[in-house]
């Protein structure tokens, strides 16, 4: 087999590029995974806050949106109640959770939820608190 001097080290350079591509793919998958986890956390916070607010609306004890805001603030997801609307017997709300994506910055994972009695909702006028 004939070897020339200009082919020496090609496998090393190719191996280094393959390793760099695999590492970049792993980092990308980790960032996407973190974003998906944050979205699920936001949805859980929104669901729980909507259920609590709907319960308060039915019991007429406290302001439902204030209860939802307090519940979101107390959770470990560092979320924020972005929107809370009372629509008849239903409560609709949106929760934002920050997602740190390293060099891509901090973005928001947003989730919405609606809760109320079965068969209720949208009979009354909407009032909102943001």
N, C-alpha and C. Protein backbone atom coordinates (compact mmCIF):
# COMPACT_ATOMS: atom_id res chain seq x y z
N UNK A 1 0.84 -1.16 0.00
CA UNK A 1 0.00 0.00 0.00
C UNK A 1 0.90 1.24 0.00
N UNK A 2 0.50 2.18 -0.78
CA UNK A 2 1.30 3.39 -0.92
C UNK A 2 0.70 4.48 -0.03
N UNK A 3 1.54 5.10 0.79
CA UNK A 3 1.11 6.20 1.65
C UNK A 3 1.75 7.48 1.18
N UNK A 4 0.98 8.54 1.23
CA UNK A 4 1.56 9.84 0.94
C UNK A 4 1.54 10.64 2.23
N UNK A 5 2.39 11.64 2.31
CA UNK A 5 2.54 12.41 3.54
C UNK A 5 1.33 13.30 3.84
N UNK A 6 0.59 13.68 2.83
CA UNK A 6 -0.51 14.60 3.09
C UNK A 6 -1.75 13.90 3.68
N UNK A 7 -1.79 12.57 3.74
CA UNK A 7 -2.91 11.84 4.34
C UNK A 7 -2.70 11.55 5.82
N UNK A 8 -1.58 11.85 6.36
CA UNK A 8 -1.28 11.51 7.75
C UNK A 8 -2.12 12.37 8.68
N UNK A 9 -2.79 11.76 9.68
CA UNK A 9 -3.58 12.48 10.68
C UNK A 9 -5.01 12.75 10.28
N UNK A 10 -5.42 12.29 9.09
CA UNK A 10 -6.79 12.54 8.65
C UNK A 10 -7.81 11.87 9.58
N UNK A 11 -7.54 10.69 10.01
CA UNK A 11 -8.46 9.98 10.90
C UNK A 11 -8.59 10.68 12.24
N UNK A 12 -7.52 11.27 12.73
CA UNK A 12 -7.56 12.02 13.98
C UNK A 12 -8.47 13.24 13.86
N UNK A 13 -8.33 13.98 12.78
CA UNK A 13 -9.15 15.17 12.56
C UNK A 13 -10.62 14.77 12.38
N UNK A 14 -10.85 13.73 11.59
CA UNK A 14 -12.22 13.25 11.40
C UNK A 14 -12.82 12.78 12.71
N UNK A 15 -12.07 12.07 13.51
CA UNK A 15 -12.54 11.61 14.83
C UNK A 15 -12.88 12.78 15.74
N UNK A 16 -12.06 13.83 15.70
CA UNK A 16 -12.32 15.01 16.53
C UNK A 16 -13.62 15.69 16.11
N UNK A 17 -13.87 15.78 14.79
CA UNK A 17 -15.12 16.38 14.32
C UNK A 17 -16.33 15.53 14.69
N UNK A 18 -16.20 14.23 14.62
CA UNK A 18 -17.30 13.34 14.99
C UNK A 18 -17.62 13.49 16.47
N UNK A 19 -16.61 13.52 17.31
CA UNK A 19 -16.81 13.71 18.75
C UNK A 19 -17.46 15.05 19.04
N UNK A 20 -17.02 16.11 18.36
CA UNK A 20 -17.61 17.44 18.56
C UNK A 20 -19.08 17.44 18.13
N UNK A 21 -19.41 16.75 17.03
CA UNK A 21 -20.80 16.69 16.57
C UNK A 21 -21.67 15.93 17.56
N UNK A 22 -21.15 14.83 18.09
CA UNK A 22 -21.90 14.06 19.08
C UNK A 22 -22.12 14.89 20.35
N UNK A 23 -21.10 15.60 20.79
CA UNK A 23 -21.22 16.45 21.99
C UNK A 23 -22.24 17.56 21.77
N UNK A 24 -22.23 18.19 20.60
CA UNK A 24 -23.18 19.26 20.30
C UNK A 24 -24.61 18.71 20.27
N UNK A 25 -24.78 17.52 19.73
CA UNK A 25 -26.11 16.90 19.70
C UNK A 25 -26.60 16.60 21.10
N UNK A 26 -25.73 16.09 21.95
CA UNK A 26 -26.11 15.80 23.33
C UNK A 26 -26.52 17.07 24.07
N UNK A 27 -25.75 18.14 23.88
CA UNK A 27 -26.08 19.41 24.53
C UNK A 27 -27.43 19.92 24.04
N UNK A 28 -27.67 19.82 22.73
CA UNK A 28 -28.95 20.25 22.18
C UNK A 28 -30.12 19.46 22.74
N UNK A 29 -29.94 18.16 22.86
CA UNK A 29 -30.99 17.30 23.42
C UNK A 29 -31.24 17.67 24.88
N UNK A 30 -30.20 17.99 25.62
CA UNK A 30 -30.37 18.38 27.02
C UNK A 30 -31.16 19.68 27.14
N UNK A 31 -30.88 20.66 26.27
CA UNK A 31 -31.62 21.92 26.30
C UNK A 31 -33.09 21.70 25.93
N UNK A 32 -33.34 20.88 24.92
CA UNK A 32 -34.72 20.59 24.54
C UNK A 32 -35.43 19.85 25.67
N UNK A 33 -34.74 18.91 26.31
CA UNK A 33 -35.32 18.19 27.44
C UNK A 33 -35.66 19.13 28.58
N UNK A 34 -34.78 20.09 28.86
CA UNK A 34 -35.05 21.07 29.91
C UNK A 34 -36.27 21.92 29.59
N UNK A 35 -36.42 22.28 28.33
CA UNK A 35 -37.58 23.07 27.92
C UNK A 35 -38.87 22.26 28.06
N UNK A 36 -38.82 20.99 27.71
CA UNK A 36 -40.00 20.12 27.82
C UNK A 36 -40.38 19.94 29.29
N UNK A 37 -39.39 19.73 30.14
CA UNK A 37 -39.67 19.58 31.58
C UNK A 37 -40.29 20.86 32.14
N UNK A 38 -39.78 22.00 31.74
CA UNK A 38 -40.35 23.27 32.21
C UNK A 38 -41.78 23.45 31.72
N UNK A 39 -42.07 23.02 30.52
CA UNK A 39 -43.43 23.11 29.99
C UNK A 39 -44.38 22.22 30.80
N UNK A 40 -43.92 21.03 31.17
CA UNK A 40 -44.74 20.15 31.99
C UNK A 40 -44.96 20.73 33.38
N UNK A 41 -43.92 21.35 33.93
CA UNK A 41 -44.07 22.00 35.24
C UNK A 41 -45.06 23.15 35.18
N UNK A 42 -44.98 23.92 34.09
CA UNK A 42 -45.92 25.03 33.92
C UNK A 42 -47.36 24.51 33.81
N UNK A 43 -47.54 23.40 33.09
CA UNK A 43 -48.88 22.84 32.96
C UNK A 43 -49.41 22.32 34.29
N UNK A 44 -48.55 21.69 35.07
CA UNK A 44 -48.97 21.21 36.39
C UNK A 44 -49.36 22.36 37.30
N UNK A 45 -48.56 23.43 37.27
CA UNK A 45 -48.87 24.61 38.09
C UNK A 45 -50.19 25.24 37.64
N UNK A 46 -50.41 25.32 36.33
CA UNK A 46 -51.64 25.91 35.82
C UNK A 46 -52.86 25.06 36.19
N UNK A 47 -52.73 23.75 36.06
CA UNK A 47 -53.85 22.87 36.40
C UNK A 47 -54.21 22.98 37.89
N UNK A 48 -53.20 22.94 38.74
CA UNK A 48 -53.45 23.01 40.18
C UNK A 48 -54.05 24.36 40.57
N UNK A 49 -53.51 25.44 40.01
CA UNK A 49 -54.01 26.77 40.33
C UNK A 49 -55.44 26.95 39.82
N UNK A 50 -55.75 26.41 38.65
CA UNK A 50 -57.11 26.53 38.11
C UNK A 50 -58.11 25.77 38.98
N UNK A 51 -57.72 24.59 39.43
CA UNK A 51 -58.61 23.82 40.30
C UNK A 51 -58.86 24.54 41.63
N UNK A 52 -57.80 25.11 42.20
CA UNK A 52 -57.95 25.83 43.47
C UNK A 52 -58.81 27.08 43.28
N UNK A 53 -58.60 27.80 42.18
CA UNK A 53 -59.39 29.00 41.92
C UNK A 53 -60.85 28.65 41.67
N UNK A 54 -61.11 27.56 40.96
CA UNK A 54 -62.49 27.14 40.71
C UNK A 54 -63.19 26.75 42.01
N UNK A 55 -62.45 26.10 42.90
CA UNK A 55 -63.02 25.74 44.20
C UNK A 55 -63.38 27.00 44.99
N UNK A 56 -62.48 27.96 45.00
CA UNK A 56 -62.76 29.22 45.71
C UNK A 56 -63.93 29.96 45.08
N UNK A 57 -64.06 29.88 43.76
CA UNK A 57 -65.18 30.53 43.09
C UNK A 57 -66.50 29.89 43.50
N UNK A 58 -66.53 28.58 43.59
CA UNK A 58 -67.75 27.88 43.98
C UNK A 58 -68.09 28.11 45.45
N UNK A 59 -67.07 28.18 46.31
CA UNK A 59 -67.31 28.40 47.75
C UNK A 59 -67.54 29.87 48.08
N UNK A 60 -67.17 30.75 47.17
CA UNK A 60 -67.32 32.19 47.34
C UNK A 60 -66.68 32.69 48.62
N UNK A 61 -65.51 32.13 48.95
CA UNK A 61 -64.83 32.55 50.17
C UNK A 61 -63.81 33.65 49.91
N UNK A 62 -62.99 33.49 48.89
CA UNK A 62 -61.93 34.45 48.60
C UNK A 62 -61.97 34.78 47.12
N UNK A 63 -61.14 35.73 46.72
CA UNK A 63 -61.00 36.07 45.32
C UNK A 63 -60.27 34.93 44.61
N UNK A 64 -60.88 34.27 43.64
CA UNK A 64 -60.28 33.10 43.00
C UNK A 64 -58.92 33.37 42.35
N UNK A 65 -58.78 34.50 41.68
CA UNK A 65 -57.51 34.80 41.01
C UNK A 65 -56.39 35.06 42.02
N UNK A 66 -56.74 35.63 43.17
CA UNK A 66 -55.73 35.84 44.21
C UNK A 66 -55.26 34.50 44.78
N UNK A 67 -56.19 33.57 44.93
CA UNK A 67 -55.82 32.23 45.42
C UNK A 67 -54.92 31.54 44.41
N UNK A 68 -55.26 31.65 43.13
CA UNK A 68 -54.44 31.04 42.08
C UNK A 68 -53.05 31.65 42.06
N UNK A 69 -52.97 32.97 42.18
CA UNK A 69 -51.66 33.65 42.17
C UNK A 69 -50.82 33.19 43.36
N UNK A 70 -51.43 33.10 44.52
CA UNK A 70 -50.70 32.67 45.72
C UNK A 70 -50.19 31.24 45.55
N UNK A 71 -51.01 30.37 44.99
CA UNK A 71 -50.62 28.98 44.81
C UNK A 71 -49.47 28.85 43.81
N UNK A 72 -49.52 29.60 42.73
CA UNK A 72 -48.43 29.56 41.74
C UNK A 72 -47.15 30.10 42.37
N UNK A 73 -47.25 31.17 43.15
CA UNK A 73 -46.07 31.76 43.79
C UNK A 73 -45.43 30.81 44.79
N UNK A 74 -46.22 29.97 45.46
CA UNK A 74 -45.70 29.07 46.48
C UNK A 74 -45.03 27.82 45.89
N UNK A 75 -45.27 27.53 44.64
CA UNK A 75 -44.67 26.34 44.04
C UNK A 75 -43.20 26.58 43.70
N UNK A 76 -42.44 25.50 43.59
CA UNK A 76 -41.00 25.59 43.35
C UNK A 76 -40.63 25.88 41.90
N UNK A 77 -41.60 25.99 41.02
CA UNK A 77 -41.30 26.17 39.61
C UNK A 77 -40.93 27.62 39.26
N UNK A 78 -41.05 28.53 40.21
CA UNK A 78 -40.77 29.95 40.01
C UNK A 78 -41.63 30.53 38.89
N UNK A 79 -42.86 30.06 38.84
CA UNK A 79 -43.78 30.52 37.81
C UNK A 79 -44.47 31.81 38.20
N UNK A 80 -45.23 32.33 37.25
CA UNK A 80 -45.95 33.57 37.46
C UNK A 80 -47.30 33.44 36.78
N UNK A 81 -48.34 33.86 37.49
CA UNK A 81 -49.69 33.85 36.92
C UNK A 81 -49.78 35.01 35.94
N UNK A 82 -49.84 34.69 34.66
CA UNK A 82 -49.85 35.73 33.62
C UNK A 82 -51.26 36.23 33.32
N UNK A 83 -52.26 35.35 33.49
CA UNK A 83 -53.63 35.72 33.14
C UNK A 83 -54.59 34.89 33.97
N UNK A 84 -55.65 35.54 34.43
CA UNK A 84 -56.69 34.85 35.17
C UNK A 84 -58.02 35.48 34.80
N UNK A 85 -58.92 34.67 34.25
CA UNK A 85 -60.22 35.17 33.80
C UNK A 85 -61.30 34.28 34.39
N UNK A 86 -62.31 34.91 34.97
CA UNK A 86 -63.46 34.18 35.47
C UNK A 86 -64.55 34.29 34.41
N UNK A 87 -64.96 33.14 33.89
CA UNK A 87 -65.93 33.07 32.81
C UNK A 87 -67.12 32.24 33.28
N UNK A 88 -68.11 32.90 33.85
CA UNK A 88 -69.26 32.18 34.41
C UNK A 88 -68.83 31.41 35.64
N UNK A 89 -68.97 30.09 35.60
CA UNK A 89 -68.54 29.24 36.71
C UNK A 89 -67.14 28.68 36.51
N UNK A 90 -66.51 29.01 35.41
CA UNK A 90 -65.18 28.50 35.08
C UNK A 90 -64.10 29.54 35.36
N UNK A 91 -62.90 29.03 35.60
CA UNK A 91 -61.72 29.88 35.75
C UNK A 91 -60.73 29.46 34.69
N UNK A 92 -60.28 30.42 33.89
CA UNK A 92 -59.25 30.17 32.89
C UNK A 92 -58.01 30.96 33.31
N UNK A 93 -56.87 30.29 33.27
CA UNK A 93 -55.65 31.01 33.63
C UNK A 93 -54.46 30.53 32.82
N UNK A 94 -53.43 31.35 32.82
CA UNK A 94 -52.19 31.06 32.12
C UNK A 94 -51.03 31.27 33.08
N UNK A 95 -50.10 30.33 33.07
CA UNK A 95 -48.92 30.38 33.93
C UNK A 95 -47.67 30.39 33.05
N UNK A 96 -46.73 31.26 33.38
CA UNK A 96 -45.44 31.32 32.70
C UNK A 96 -44.36 30.84 33.65
N UNK A 97 -43.47 29.96 33.16
CA UNK A 97 -42.34 29.47 33.94
C UNK A 97 -41.07 29.77 33.15
N UNK A 98 -40.07 30.42 33.76
CA UNK A 98 -38.84 30.72 33.03
C UNK A 98 -38.02 29.45 32.75
N UNK A 99 -37.41 29.42 31.56
CA UNK A 99 -36.57 28.30 31.14
C UNK A 99 -35.21 28.87 30.76
N UNK A 100 -34.16 28.44 31.45
CA UNK A 100 -32.82 28.88 31.12
C UNK A 100 -32.24 27.94 30.08
N UNK A 101 -31.93 28.49 28.91
CA UNK A 101 -31.39 27.69 27.82
C UNK A 101 -29.93 28.02 27.55
N UNK A 102 -29.21 28.33 28.59
CA UNK A 102 -27.77 28.59 28.47
C UNK A 102 -27.48 29.73 27.53
N UNK A 103 -26.72 29.47 26.47
CA UNK A 103 -26.33 30.56 25.56
C UNK A 103 -27.50 31.11 24.75
N UNK A 104 -28.64 30.43 24.75
CA UNK A 104 -29.81 30.89 24.02
C UNK A 104 -30.69 31.80 24.85
N UNK A 105 -30.32 32.06 26.10
CA UNK A 105 -31.05 32.98 26.95
C UNK A 105 -32.13 32.31 27.78
N UNK A 106 -32.93 33.15 28.42
CA UNK A 106 -34.03 32.67 29.26
C UNK A 106 -35.33 32.94 28.51
N UNK A 107 -36.12 31.90 28.35
CA UNK A 107 -37.40 32.00 27.67
C UNK A 107 -38.50 31.54 28.63
N UNK A 108 -39.75 31.68 28.21
CA UNK A 108 -40.87 31.30 29.06
C UNK A 108 -41.57 30.07 28.51
N UNK A 109 -41.84 29.13 29.40
CA UNK A 109 -42.71 28.00 29.08
C UNK A 109 -44.09 28.41 29.56
N UNK A 110 -45.06 28.41 28.68
CA UNK A 110 -46.40 28.90 28.99
C UNK A 110 -47.41 27.76 28.93
N UNK A 111 -48.31 27.73 29.90
CA UNK A 111 -49.37 26.72 29.92
C UNK A 111 -50.66 27.36 30.38
N UNK A 112 -51.75 26.89 29.82
CA UNK A 112 -53.08 27.38 30.18
C UNK A 112 -53.92 26.25 30.74
N UNK A 113 -54.86 26.61 31.60
CA UNK A 113 -55.76 25.62 32.18
C UNK A 113 -57.12 26.25 32.39
N UNK A 114 -58.13 25.40 32.40
CA UNK A 114 -59.51 25.84 32.65
C UNK A 114 -60.11 24.85 33.62
N UNK A 115 -60.81 25.36 34.63
CA UNK A 115 -61.45 24.48 35.61
C UNK A 115 -62.78 25.08 36.03
N UNK A 116 -63.68 24.21 36.38
CA UNK A 116 -65.00 24.61 36.83
C UNK A 116 -65.88 23.38 36.95
N UNK A 117 -67.11 23.58 37.35
CA UNK A 117 -68.01 22.43 37.49
C UNK A 117 -68.35 21.82 36.13
N UNK A 118 -68.66 20.55 36.13
CA UNK A 118 -69.02 19.87 34.90
C UNK A 118 -70.30 20.48 34.36
N UNK A 119 -70.26 20.87 33.09
CA UNK A 119 -71.44 21.45 32.46
C UNK A 119 -71.61 22.93 32.72
N UNK A 120 -70.70 23.56 33.47
CA UNK A 120 -70.82 24.98 33.77
C UNK A 120 -69.98 25.82 32.84
N UNK A 121 -70.02 27.12 33.06
CA UNK A 121 -69.13 28.02 32.35
C UNK A 121 -69.79 28.83 31.26
N UNK A 122 -69.20 29.94 30.98
CA UNK A 122 -69.51 30.88 29.91
C UNK A 122 -70.94 31.40 29.89
N UNK A 123 -71.66 31.32 31.03
CA UNK A 123 -72.99 31.92 31.08
C UNK A 123 -72.92 33.40 31.51
N UNK A 124 -71.95 33.70 32.36
CA UNK A 124 -71.86 35.06 32.89
C UNK A 124 -70.87 35.90 32.14
N UNK A 125 -70.79 37.16 32.51
CA UNK A 125 -69.83 38.06 31.91
C UNK A 125 -68.44 37.76 32.45
N UNK A 126 -67.47 37.93 31.60
CA UNK A 126 -66.09 37.64 31.99
C UNK A 126 -65.52 38.83 32.74
N UNK A 127 -64.82 38.54 33.81
CA UNK A 127 -64.06 39.59 34.50
C UNK A 127 -62.66 39.05 34.64
N UNK A 128 -61.68 39.92 34.49
CA UNK A 128 -60.31 39.42 34.47
C UNK A 128 -59.44 40.22 35.41
N UNK A 129 -58.36 39.54 35.82
CA UNK A 129 -57.33 40.18 36.63
C UNK A 129 -56.00 39.70 36.07
N UNK A 130 -55.11 40.63 35.75
CA UNK A 130 -53.80 40.23 35.22
C UNK A 130 -52.70 40.71 36.10
